[in-house]
Amino acid sequence: MKKFILITALVISTLSMTAQESNVSLSGALPTGDAGDVTTFGLNLDLNYLWAVAEQFDLGLTAGYHHYFGEDIDLEGFGTVEAEDFGFLPIAAAARFNATEQFTIGADVGYAIGLNPDGNDGGFYYAPKVQYGLTPLIDIVLSYRGVSLDGGSFDALSLGFEFGL
């Protein structure tokens, strides 16, 4: 038990001494593949908390809410049906490599909880991304987001802004 307390104290003190960064990002998304057949557009909101583990490398956690708007589907001879909106709550580990002062490459990997429609159980979540720093507190972010679902995937290309807090 003493070793556990000592290791826990060491980890907490190490994390508190390293540089920390929190930010929020807002982006628009264009669904691709199967997702593009039933949704038209998406909005993503993400919160990130990162620790500097090396001079150019950050690790952390991210969570957010992704909402995709259902599309009207024309069933030839049967009329039009509106597909339901899709919602996901991704929770993931985040990694960022700061290649230069303004250019960052990263990825988020975790699980996206399916919120809607009924039957959306969610799945493995991945989001490779590139970022370009416009100012010290604002980045433009291009990302490919994917959720592996039973029998398919839900993918989207997103573009947005990340704001340092």
N, C-alpha and C. Protein backbone atom coordinates (compact mmCIF):
# COMPACT_ATOMS: atom_id res chain seq x y z
N MET A 1 0.83 -1.19 0.00
CA MET A 1 0.00 0.00 0.00
C MET A 1 0.88 1.27 0.00
N LYS A 2 1.99 1.22 0.73
CA LYS A 2 2.89 2.37 0.78
C LYS A 2 3.48 2.66 -0.60
N LYS A 3 3.80 1.58 -1.35
CA LYS A 3 4.34 1.77 -2.69
C LYS A 3 3.30 2.42 -3.60
N PHE A 4 2.06 1.99 -3.49
CA PHE A 4 0.98 2.57 -4.30
C PHE A 4 0.83 4.06 -4.01
N ILE A 5 0.82 4.43 -2.74
CA ILE A 5 0.68 5.85 -2.36
C ILE A 5 1.88 6.65 -2.87
N LEU A 6 3.07 6.09 -2.75
CA LEU A 6 4.28 6.77 -3.22
C LEU A 6 4.25 6.96 -4.74
N ILE A 7 3.88 5.93 -5.48
CA ILE A 7 3.81 6.03 -6.94
C ILE A 7 2.72 7.03 -7.35
N THR A 8 1.57 6.98 -6.70
CA THR A 8 0.49 7.93 -7.01
C THR A 8 0.94 9.36 -6.76
N ALA A 9 1.59 9.61 -5.64
CA ALA A 9 2.08 10.96 -5.33
C ALA A 9 3.11 11.42 -6.35
N LEU A 10 3.99 10.50 -6.76
CA LEU A 10 5.00 10.83 -7.77
C LEU A 10 4.37 11.19 -9.11
N VAL A 11 3.39 10.43 -9.55
CA VAL A 11 2.70 10.70 -10.81
C VAL A 11 1.98 12.04 -10.75
N ILE A 12 1.26 12.29 -9.67
CA ILE A 12 0.52 13.56 -9.53
C ILE A 12 1.48 14.75 -9.52
N SER A 13 2.58 14.64 -8.80
CA SER A 13 3.52 15.76 -8.76
C SER A 13 4.19 15.96 -10.12
N THR A 14 4.48 14.89 -10.83
CA THR A 14 5.07 15.01 -12.17
C THR A 14 4.11 15.69 -13.12
N LEU A 15 2.83 15.28 -13.09
CA LEU A 15 1.85 15.91 -13.97
C LEU A 15 1.64 17.37 -13.63
N SER A 16 1.67 17.71 -12.36
CA SER A 16 1.44 19.11 -11.98
C SER A 16 2.62 20.00 -12.34
N MET A 17 3.82 19.42 -12.50
CA MET A 17 5.00 20.21 -12.85
C MET A 17 5.14 20.40 -14.35
N THR A 18 4.51 19.57 -15.16
CA THR A 18 4.64 19.72 -16.61
C THR A 18 3.68 20.78 -17.12
N ALA A 19 3.99 21.29 -18.29
CA ALA A 19 3.11 22.29 -18.90
C ALA A 19 1.77 21.65 -19.25
N GLN A 20 0.72 22.39 -19.03
CA GLN A 20 -0.63 21.89 -19.30
C GLN A 20 -1.33 22.84 -20.25
N GLU A 21 -2.21 22.28 -21.05
CA GLU A 21 -2.95 23.08 -22.02
C GLU A 21 -4.36 22.54 -22.11
N SER A 22 -5.32 23.43 -22.05
CA SER A 22 -6.70 23.02 -22.30
C SER A 22 -7.25 23.88 -23.42
N ASN A 23 -8.10 23.28 -24.23
CA ASN A 23 -8.67 24.02 -25.34
C ASN A 23 -10.03 23.44 -25.70
N VAL A 24 -10.76 24.20 -26.47
CA VAL A 24 -12.07 23.77 -26.97
C VAL A 24 -12.05 23.96 -28.48
N SER A 25 -12.66 23.02 -29.19
CA SER A 25 -12.71 23.16 -30.65
C SER A 25 -14.15 23.03 -31.14
N LEU A 26 -14.44 23.76 -32.17
CA LEU A 26 -15.75 23.75 -32.81
C LEU A 26 -15.50 23.58 -34.30
N SER A 27 -16.18 22.58 -34.91
CA SER A 27 -15.95 22.34 -36.33
C SER A 27 -17.23 21.91 -37.02
N GLY A 28 -17.24 22.11 -38.33
CA GLY A 28 -18.29 21.59 -39.19
C GLY A 28 -17.76 20.33 -39.84
N ALA A 29 -18.68 19.40 -40.19
CA ALA A 29 -18.24 18.13 -40.75
C ALA A 29 -19.08 17.73 -41.94
N LEU A 30 -18.42 17.15 -42.93
CA LEU A 30 -19.10 16.58 -44.09
C LEU A 30 -19.00 15.06 -44.01
N PRO A 31 -20.12 14.38 -43.76
CA PRO A 31 -20.10 12.92 -43.67
C PRO A 31 -19.68 12.30 -45.00
N THR A 32 -18.93 11.21 -44.91
CA THR A 32 -18.46 10.49 -46.10
C THR A 32 -18.93 9.04 -46.03
N GLY A 33 -18.86 8.35 -47.14
CA GLY A 33 -19.21 6.94 -47.18
C GLY A 33 -20.64 6.67 -46.79
N ASP A 34 -20.86 5.62 -45.99
CA ASP A 34 -22.20 5.25 -45.54
C ASP A 34 -22.88 6.40 -44.79
N ALA A 35 -22.12 7.14 -43.98
CA ALA A 35 -22.69 8.24 -43.22
C ALA A 35 -23.24 9.33 -44.15
N GLY A 36 -22.59 9.54 -45.29
CA GLY A 36 -23.04 10.54 -46.25
C GLY A 36 -24.35 10.18 -46.93
N ASP A 37 -24.73 8.88 -46.87
CA ASP A 37 -25.99 8.46 -47.47
C ASP A 37 -27.19 8.82 -46.62
N VAL A 38 -26.99 9.00 -45.31
CA VAL A 38 -28.12 9.25 -44.41
C VAL A 38 -28.03 10.57 -43.65
N THR A 39 -26.89 11.24 -43.72
CA THR A 39 -26.75 12.55 -43.05
C THR A 39 -26.16 13.56 -44.02
N THR A 40 -26.43 14.84 -43.75
CA THR A 40 -25.99 15.89 -44.66
C THR A 40 -24.82 16.70 -44.14
N PHE A 41 -24.80 16.98 -42.84
CA PHE A 41 -23.84 17.91 -42.27
C PHE A 41 -23.71 17.59 -40.79
N GLY A 42 -22.58 17.92 -40.21
CA GLY A 42 -22.39 17.69 -38.78
C GLY A 42 -21.72 18.86 -38.10
N LEU A 43 -21.94 18.96 -36.80
CA LEU A 43 -21.27 19.94 -35.96
C LEU A 43 -20.59 19.18 -34.83
N ASN A 44 -19.35 19.55 -34.53
CA ASN A 44 -18.57 18.88 -33.51
C ASN A 44 -18.08 19.89 -32.49
N LEU A 45 -18.20 19.53 -31.22
CA LEU A 45 -17.66 20.32 -30.12
C LEU A 45 -16.79 19.39 -29.29
N ASP A 46 -15.53 19.76 -29.08
CA ASP A 46 -14.59 18.92 -28.34
C ASP A 46 -13.85 19.74 -27.30
N LEU A 47 -13.56 19.10 -26.17
CA LEU A 47 -12.74 19.68 -25.11
C LEU A 47 -11.51 18.82 -24.96
N ASN A 48 -10.34 19.46 -24.90
CA ASN A 48 -9.07 18.74 -24.79
C ASN A 48 -8.31 19.23 -23.57
N TYR A 49 -7.62 18.29 -22.91
CA TYR A 49 -6.71 18.64 -21.83
C TYR A 49 -5.41 17.89 -22.10
N LEU A 50 -4.33 18.62 -22.33
CA LEU A 50 -3.06 18.02 -22.75
C LEU A 50 -1.94 18.37 -21.78
N TRP A 51 -1.01 17.42 -21.62
CA TRP A 51 0.19 17.63 -20.84
C TRP A 51 1.39 17.50 -21.75
N ALA A 52 2.36 18.37 -21.57
CA ALA A 52 3.61 18.29 -22.33
C ALA A 52 4.46 17.19 -21.72
N VAL A 53 4.70 16.12 -22.47
CA VAL A 53 5.53 15.02 -21.97
C VAL A 53 6.93 15.08 -22.54
N ALA A 54 7.13 15.87 -23.56
CA ALA A 54 8.45 16.14 -24.15
C ALA A 54 8.37 17.52 -24.79
N GLU A 55 9.48 18.00 -25.28
CA GLU A 55 9.51 19.35 -25.82
C GLU A 55 8.49 19.56 -26.94
N GLN A 56 8.32 18.56 -27.80
CA GLN A 56 7.42 18.71 -28.94
C GLN A 56 6.24 17.74 -28.91
N PHE A 57 6.01 17.07 -27.79
CA PHE A 57 4.99 16.02 -27.75
C PHE A 57 4.08 16.20 -26.56
N ASP A 58 2.76 16.22 -26.82
CA ASP A 58 1.75 16.35 -25.77
C ASP A 58 0.84 15.13 -25.77
N LEU A 59 0.42 14.71 -24.59
CA LEU A 59 -0.56 13.64 -24.41
C LEU A 59 -1.67 14.15 -23.52
N GLY A 60 -2.88 13.62 -23.72
CA GLY A 60 -3.96 14.05 -22.87
C GLY A 60 -5.24 13.31 -23.13
N LEU A 61 -6.32 13.96 -22.77
CA LEU A 61 -7.67 13.40 -22.89
C LEU A 61 -8.55 14.36 -23.68
N THR A 62 -9.53 13.78 -24.35
CA THR A 62 -10.50 14.60 -25.08
C THR A 62 -11.88 13.98 -24.95
N ALA A 63 -12.87 14.83 -24.94
CA ALA A 63 -14.27 14.39 -24.93
C ALA A 63 -15.07 15.45 -25.69
N GLY A 64 -16.21 15.05 -26.22
CA GLY A 64 -16.99 16.02 -26.98
C GLY A 64 -18.38 15.52 -27.30
N TYR A 65 -19.04 16.29 -28.14
CA TYR A 65 -20.34 15.91 -28.66
C TYR A 65 -20.34 16.17 -30.16
N HIS A 66 -20.72 15.15 -30.94
CA HIS A 66 -20.78 15.27 -32.40
C HIS A 66 -22.21 15.00 -32.83
N HIS A 67 -22.79 15.93 -33.58
CA HIS A 67 -24.18 15.81 -34.03
C HIS A 67 -24.22 15.90 -35.56
N TYR A 68 -24.89 14.92 -36.17
CA TYR A 68 -25.01 14.88 -37.63
C TYR A 68 -26.49 14.90 -38.00
N PHE A 69 -26.85 15.77 -38.91
CA PHE A 69 -28.24 16.01 -39.28
C PHE A 69 -28.70 15.03 -40.36
N GLY A 70 -29.86 14.39 -40.12
CA GLY A 70 -30.41 13.41 -41.04
C GLY A 70 -30.80 14.03 -42.37
N GLU A 71 -30.75 13.21 -43.42
CA GLU A 71 -31.03 13.64 -44.78
C GLU A 71 -32.38 13.07 -45.23
N ASP A 72 -33.06 13.80 -46.12
CA ASP A 72 -34.27 13.27 -46.76
C ASP A 72 -33.84 12.25 -47.80
N ILE A 73 -34.36 11.03 -47.68
CA ILE A 73 -34.00 9.95 -48.60
C ILE A 73 -35.20 9.66 -49.50
N ASP A 74 -34.97 9.73 -50.81
CA ASP A 74 -36.03 9.48 -51.79
C ASP A 74 -36.10 7.98 -52.06
N LEU A 75 -37.22 7.36 -51.68
CA LEU A 75 -37.46 5.95 -51.97
C LEU A 75 -38.33 5.90 -53.21
N GLU A 76 -37.70 5.63 -54.33
CA GLU A 76 -38.40 5.69 -55.62
C GLU A 76 -39.70 4.90 -55.59
N GLY A 77 -40.79 5.60 -55.87
CA GLY A 77 -42.11 4.99 -55.89
C GLY A 77 -42.77 4.90 -54.53
N PHE A 78 -42.04 5.21 -53.47
CA PHE A 78 -42.61 5.10 -52.13
C PHE A 78 -42.60 6.42 -51.37
N GLY A 79 -42.08 7.46 -51.96
CA GLY A 79 -42.05 8.77 -51.30
C GLY A 79 -40.69 9.07 -50.69
N THR A 80 -40.71 10.04 -49.80
CA THR A 80 -39.49 10.50 -49.15
C THR A 80 -39.54 10.18 -47.66
N VAL A 81 -38.41 9.73 -47.15
CA VAL A 81 -38.28 9.43 -45.72
C VAL A 81 -37.13 10.27 -45.17
N GLU A 82 -37.35 10.87 -44.01
CA GLU A 82 -36.28 11.65 -43.39
C GLU A 82 -35.50 10.76 -42.43
N ALA A 83 -34.20 10.64 -42.66
CA ALA A 83 -33.34 9.85 -41.77
C ALA A 83 -33.17 10.60 -40.45
N GLU A 84 -33.01 9.85 -39.38
CA GLU A 84 -32.84 10.46 -38.07
C GLU A 84 -31.45 11.06 -37.92
N ASP A 85 -31.34 12.02 -37.01
CA ASP A 85 -30.05 12.61 -36.68
C ASP A 85 -29.21 11.59 -35.93
N PHE A 86 -27.88 11.69 -36.07
CA PHE A 86 -26.96 10.84 -35.34
C PHE A 86 -26.21 11.69 -34.32
N GLY A 87 -26.00 11.15 -33.14
CA GLY A 87 -25.24 11.84 -32.11
C GLY A 87 -24.25 10.90 -31.45
N PHE A 88 -23.04 11.39 -31.21
CA PHE A 88 -21.99 10.61 -30.57
C PHE A 88 -21.34 11.42 -29.46
N LEU A 89 -20.91 10.72 -28.42
CA LEU A 89 -20.13 11.30 -27.34
C LEU A 89 -18.77 10.60 -27.33
N PRO A 90 -17.78 11.15 -28.05
CA PRO A 90 -16.46 10.51 -28.07
C PRO A 90 -15.66 10.83 -26.79
N ILE A 91 -15.02 9.80 -26.26
CA ILE A 91 -14.11 9.93 -25.12
C ILE A 91 -12.82 9.24 -25.55
N ALA A 92 -11.70 9.97 -25.55
CA ALA A 92 -10.50 9.42 -26.17
C ALA A 92 -9.22 9.93 -25.53
N ALA A 93 -8.15 9.21 -25.81
CA ALA A 93 -6.80 9.69 -25.52
C ALA A 93 -6.37 10.57 -26.68
N ALA A 94 -5.61 11.60 -26.38
CA ALA A 94 -5.18 12.54 -27.42
C ALA A 94 -3.65 12.63 -27.44
N ALA A 95 -3.08 12.65 -28.63
CA ALA A 95 -1.64 12.81 -28.80
C ALA A 95 -1.39 13.91 -29.83
N ARG A 96 -0.44 14.78 -29.55
CA ARG A 96 -0.09 15.87 -30.46
C ARG A 96 1.43 15.96 -30.60
N PHE A 97 1.90 16.03 -31.84
CA PHE A 97 3.31 16.27 -32.13
C PHE A 97 3.41 17.65 -32.73
N ASN A 98 4.09 18.55 -32.03
CA ASN A 98 4.26 19.93 -32.48
C ASN A 98 5.48 20.00 -33.38
N ALA A 99 5.24 19.80 -34.69
CA ALA A 99 6.33 19.73 -35.66
C ALA A 99 7.08 21.05 -35.76
N THR A 100 6.36 22.15 -35.76
CA THR A 100 6.95 23.48 -35.78
C THR A 100 6.16 24.36 -34.81
N GLU A 101 6.52 25.61 -34.75
CA GLU A 101 5.80 26.55 -33.88
C GLU A 101 4.33 26.65 -34.25
N GLN A 102 4.00 26.50 -35.55
CA GLN A 102 2.63 26.68 -36.01
C GLN A 102 1.96 25.39 -36.49
N PHE A 103 2.71 24.34 -36.78
CA PHE A 103 2.15 23.14 -37.40
C PHE A 103 2.17 21.97 -36.42
N THR A 104 0.99 21.33 -36.24
CA THR A 104 0.85 20.21 -35.31
C THR A 104 0.15 19.06 -36.02
N ILE A 105 0.63 17.83 -35.74
CA ILE A 105 0.01 16.60 -36.23
C ILE A 105 -0.46 15.84 -35.00
N GLY A 106 -1.66 15.28 -35.06
CA GLY A 106 -2.16 14.57 -33.89
C GLY A 106 -3.18 13.52 -34.22
N ALA A 107 -3.64 12.86 -33.17
CA ALA A 107 -4.68 11.85 -33.31
C ALA A 107 -5.39 11.68 -31.97
N ASP A 108 -6.67 11.37 -32.05
CA ASP A 108 -7.47 11.00 -30.89
C ASP A 108 -7.94 9.57 -31.12
N VAL A 109 -7.84 8.74 -30.10
CA VAL A 109 -8.23 7.34 -30.21
C VAL A 109 -8.98 6.96 -28.93
N GLY A 110 -10.18 6.38 -29.11
CA GLY A 110 -10.96 5.99 -27.95
C GLY A 110 -12.26 5.32 -28.34
N TYR A 111 -13.33 5.70 -27.65
CA TYR A 111 -14.65 5.11 -27.88
C TYR A 111 -15.67 6.23 -28.02
N ALA A 112 -16.57 6.10 -28.99
CA ALA A 112 -17.65 7.06 -29.18
C ALA A 112 -18.95 6.38 -28.75
N ILE A 113 -19.58 6.93 -27.73
CA ILE A 113 -20.85 6.41 -27.24
C ILE A 113 -21.94 6.91 -28.18
N GLY A 114 -22.75 5.99 -28.69
CA GLY A 114 -23.85 6.37 -29.58
C GLY A 114 -25.03 6.89 -28.76
N LEU A 115 -25.45 8.12 -29.03
CA LEU A 115 -26.55 8.73 -28.28
C LEU A 115 -27.89 8.62 -29.01
N ASN A 116 -27.87 8.81 -30.29
CA ASN A 116 -29.08 8.67 -31.08
C ASN A 116 -28.69 8.36 -32.52
N PRO A 117 -29.57 7.75 -33.30
CA PRO A 117 -30.92 7.27 -32.98
C PRO A 117 -30.86 5.97 -32.17
N ASP A 118 -32.03 5.45 -31.81
CA ASP A 118 -32.09 4.17 -31.11
C ASP A 118 -31.35 3.12 -31.91
N GLY A 119 -30.60 2.28 -31.24
CA GLY A 119 -29.83 1.24 -31.92
C GLY A 119 -28.42 1.66 -32.25
N ASN A 120 -28.08 2.92 -32.06
CA ASN A 120 -26.72 3.40 -32.28
C ASN A 120 -25.91 3.10 -31.01
N ASP A 121 -25.16 2.02 -31.04
CA ASP A 121 -24.40 1.59 -29.87
C ASP A 121 -23.03 2.24 -29.78
N GLY A 122 -22.63 3.00 -30.81
CA GLY A 122 -21.31 3.61 -30.82
C GLY A 122 -20.26 2.60 -31.24
N GLY A 123 -18.99 2.95 -31.02
CA GLY A 123 -17.91 2.07 -31.40
C GLY A 123 -16.55 2.72 -31.25
N PHE A 124 -15.53 2.02 -31.73
CA PHE A 124 -14.16 2.52 -31.70
C PHE A 124 -14.08 3.85 -32.44
N TYR A 125 -13.44 4.85 -31.81
CA TYR A 125 -13.37 6.20 -32.35
C TYR A 125 -11.91 6.54 -32.68
N TYR A 126 -11.70 7.15 -33.84
CA TYR A 126 -10.36 7.59 -34.23
C TYR A 126 -10.49 8.91 -34.99
N ALA A 127 -9.51 9.78 -34.79
CA ALA A 127 -9.55 11.08 -35.45
C ALA A 127 -8.13 11.60 -35.68
N PRO A 128 -7.50 11.23 -36.81
CA PRO A 128 -6.22 11.85 -37.16
C PRO A 128 -6.46 13.30 -37.58
N LYS A 129 -5.51 14.17 -37.27
CA LYS A 129 -5.73 15.60 -37.55
C LYS A 129 -4.43 16.34 -37.79
N VAL A 130 -4.56 17.46 -38.49
CA VAL A 130 -3.47 18.41 -38.66
C VAL A 130 -3.99 19.78 -38.23
N GLN A 131 -3.10 20.55 -37.61
CA GLN A 131 -3.48 21.86 -37.09
C GLN A 131 -2.47 22.90 -37.54
N TYR A 132 -2.98 24.10 -37.80
CA TYR A 132 -2.12 25.22 -38.15
C TYR A 132 -2.45 26.38 -37.22
N GLY A 133 -1.45 26.89 -36.51
CA GLY A 133 -1.65 27.98 -35.56
C GLY A 133 -1.79 29.32 -36.24
N LEU A 134 -2.96 29.92 -36.11
CA LEU A 134 -3.18 31.27 -36.64
C LEU A 134 -2.63 32.32 -35.69
N THR A 135 -2.88 32.11 -34.40
CA THR A 135 -2.37 32.97 -33.33
C THR A 135 -1.93 32.03 -32.21
N PRO A 136 -1.33 32.55 -31.15
CA PRO A 136 -0.95 31.64 -30.05
C PRO A 136 -2.14 30.91 -29.41
N LEU A 137 -3.35 31.44 -29.54
CA LEU A 137 -4.51 30.80 -28.91
C LEU A 137 -5.54 30.25 -29.89
N ILE A 138 -5.32 30.39 -31.19
CA ILE A 138 -6.31 29.92 -32.17
C ILE A 138 -5.62 29.09 -33.25
N ASP A 139 -6.12 27.87 -33.45
CA ASP A 139 -5.63 26.98 -34.51
C ASP A 139 -6.77 26.65 -35.46
N ILE A 140 -6.44 26.44 -36.71
CA ILE A 140 -7.41 25.87 -37.65
C ILE A 140 -7.08 24.38 -37.72
N VAL A 141 -8.13 23.52 -37.66
CA VAL A 141 -7.92 22.08 -37.55
C VAL A 141 -8.67 21.35 -38.66
N LEU A 142 -7.95 20.48 -39.37
CA LEU A 142 -8.54 19.60 -40.38
C LEU A 142 -8.43 18.19 -39.83
N SER A 143 -9.57 17.47 -39.80
CA SER A 143 -9.58 16.15 -39.19
C SER A 143 -10.46 15.19 -39.97
N TYR A 144 -10.08 13.92 -39.93
CA TYR A 144 -10.94 12.85 -40.44
C TYR A 144 -11.40 12.07 -39.23
N ARG A 145 -12.71 12.04 -38.99
CA ARG A 145 -13.25 11.38 -37.80
C ARG A 145 -13.99 10.13 -38.21
N GLY A 146 -13.75 9.05 -37.48
CA GLY A 146 -14.42 7.80 -37.80
C GLY A 146 -14.88 7.08 -36.55
N VAL A 147 -16.02 6.40 -36.68
CA VAL A 147 -16.54 5.54 -35.62
C VAL A 147 -16.83 4.20 -36.27
N SER A 148 -16.16 3.15 -35.78
CA SER A 148 -16.40 1.79 -36.30
C SER A 148 -17.65 1.24 -35.63
N LEU A 149 -18.67 1.00 -36.44
CA LEU A 149 -19.93 0.47 -35.93
C LEU A 149 -20.08 -0.98 -36.37
N ASP A 150 -21.01 -1.70 -35.73
CA ASP A 150 -21.31 -3.07 -36.18
C ASP A 150 -21.80 -3.01 -37.62
N GLY A 151 -21.11 -3.68 -38.52
CA GLY A 151 -21.54 -3.74 -39.91
C GLY A 151 -21.20 -2.52 -40.73
N GLY A 152 -20.34 -1.64 -40.26
CA GLY A 152 -19.99 -0.47 -41.06
C GLY A 152 -19.21 0.54 -40.26
N SER A 153 -19.21 1.76 -40.76
CA SER A 153 -18.52 2.84 -40.07
C SER A 153 -19.25 4.15 -40.32
N PHE A 154 -19.00 5.11 -39.45
CA PHE A 154 -19.58 6.44 -39.58
C PHE A 154 -18.39 7.39 -39.68
N ASP A 155 -18.14 7.94 -40.87
CA ASP A 155 -16.95 8.75 -41.11
C ASP A 155 -17.33 10.15 -41.58
N ALA A 156 -16.45 11.10 -41.25
CA ALA A 156 -16.68 12.47 -41.67
C ALA A 156 -15.36 13.22 -41.75
N LEU A 157 -15.31 14.19 -42.62
CA LEU A 157 -14.19 15.11 -42.76
C LEU A 157 -14.60 16.41 -42.10
N SER A 158 -13.80 16.90 -41.16
CA SER A 158 -14.20 18.12 -40.45
C SER A 158 -13.14 19.20 -40.56
N LEU A 159 -13.62 20.42 -40.49
CA LEU A 159 -12.75 21.61 -40.52
C LEU A 159 -13.30 22.60 -39.51
N GLY A 160 -12.41 23.10 -38.67
CA GLY A 160 -12.88 24.04 -37.65
C GLY A 160 -11.75 24.75 -36.96
N PHE A 161 -12.08 25.34 -35.81
CA PHE A 161 -11.13 26.12 -35.04
C PHE A 161 -10.98 25.56 -33.63
N GLU A 162 -9.77 25.67 -33.11
CA GLU A 162 -9.49 25.26 -31.74
C GLU A 162 -9.05 26.51 -30.99
N PHE A 163 -9.65 26.73 -29.83
CA PHE A 163 -9.39 27.92 -29.03
C PHE A 163 -8.73 27.53 -27.72
N GLY A 164 -7.56 28.08 -27.44
CA GLY A 164 -6.87 27.82 -26.17
C GLY A 164 -7.59 28.50 -25.03
N LEU A 165 -7.61 27.83 -23.89
CA LEU A 165 -8.27 28.41 -22.70
C LEU A 165 -7.25 28.84 -21.68
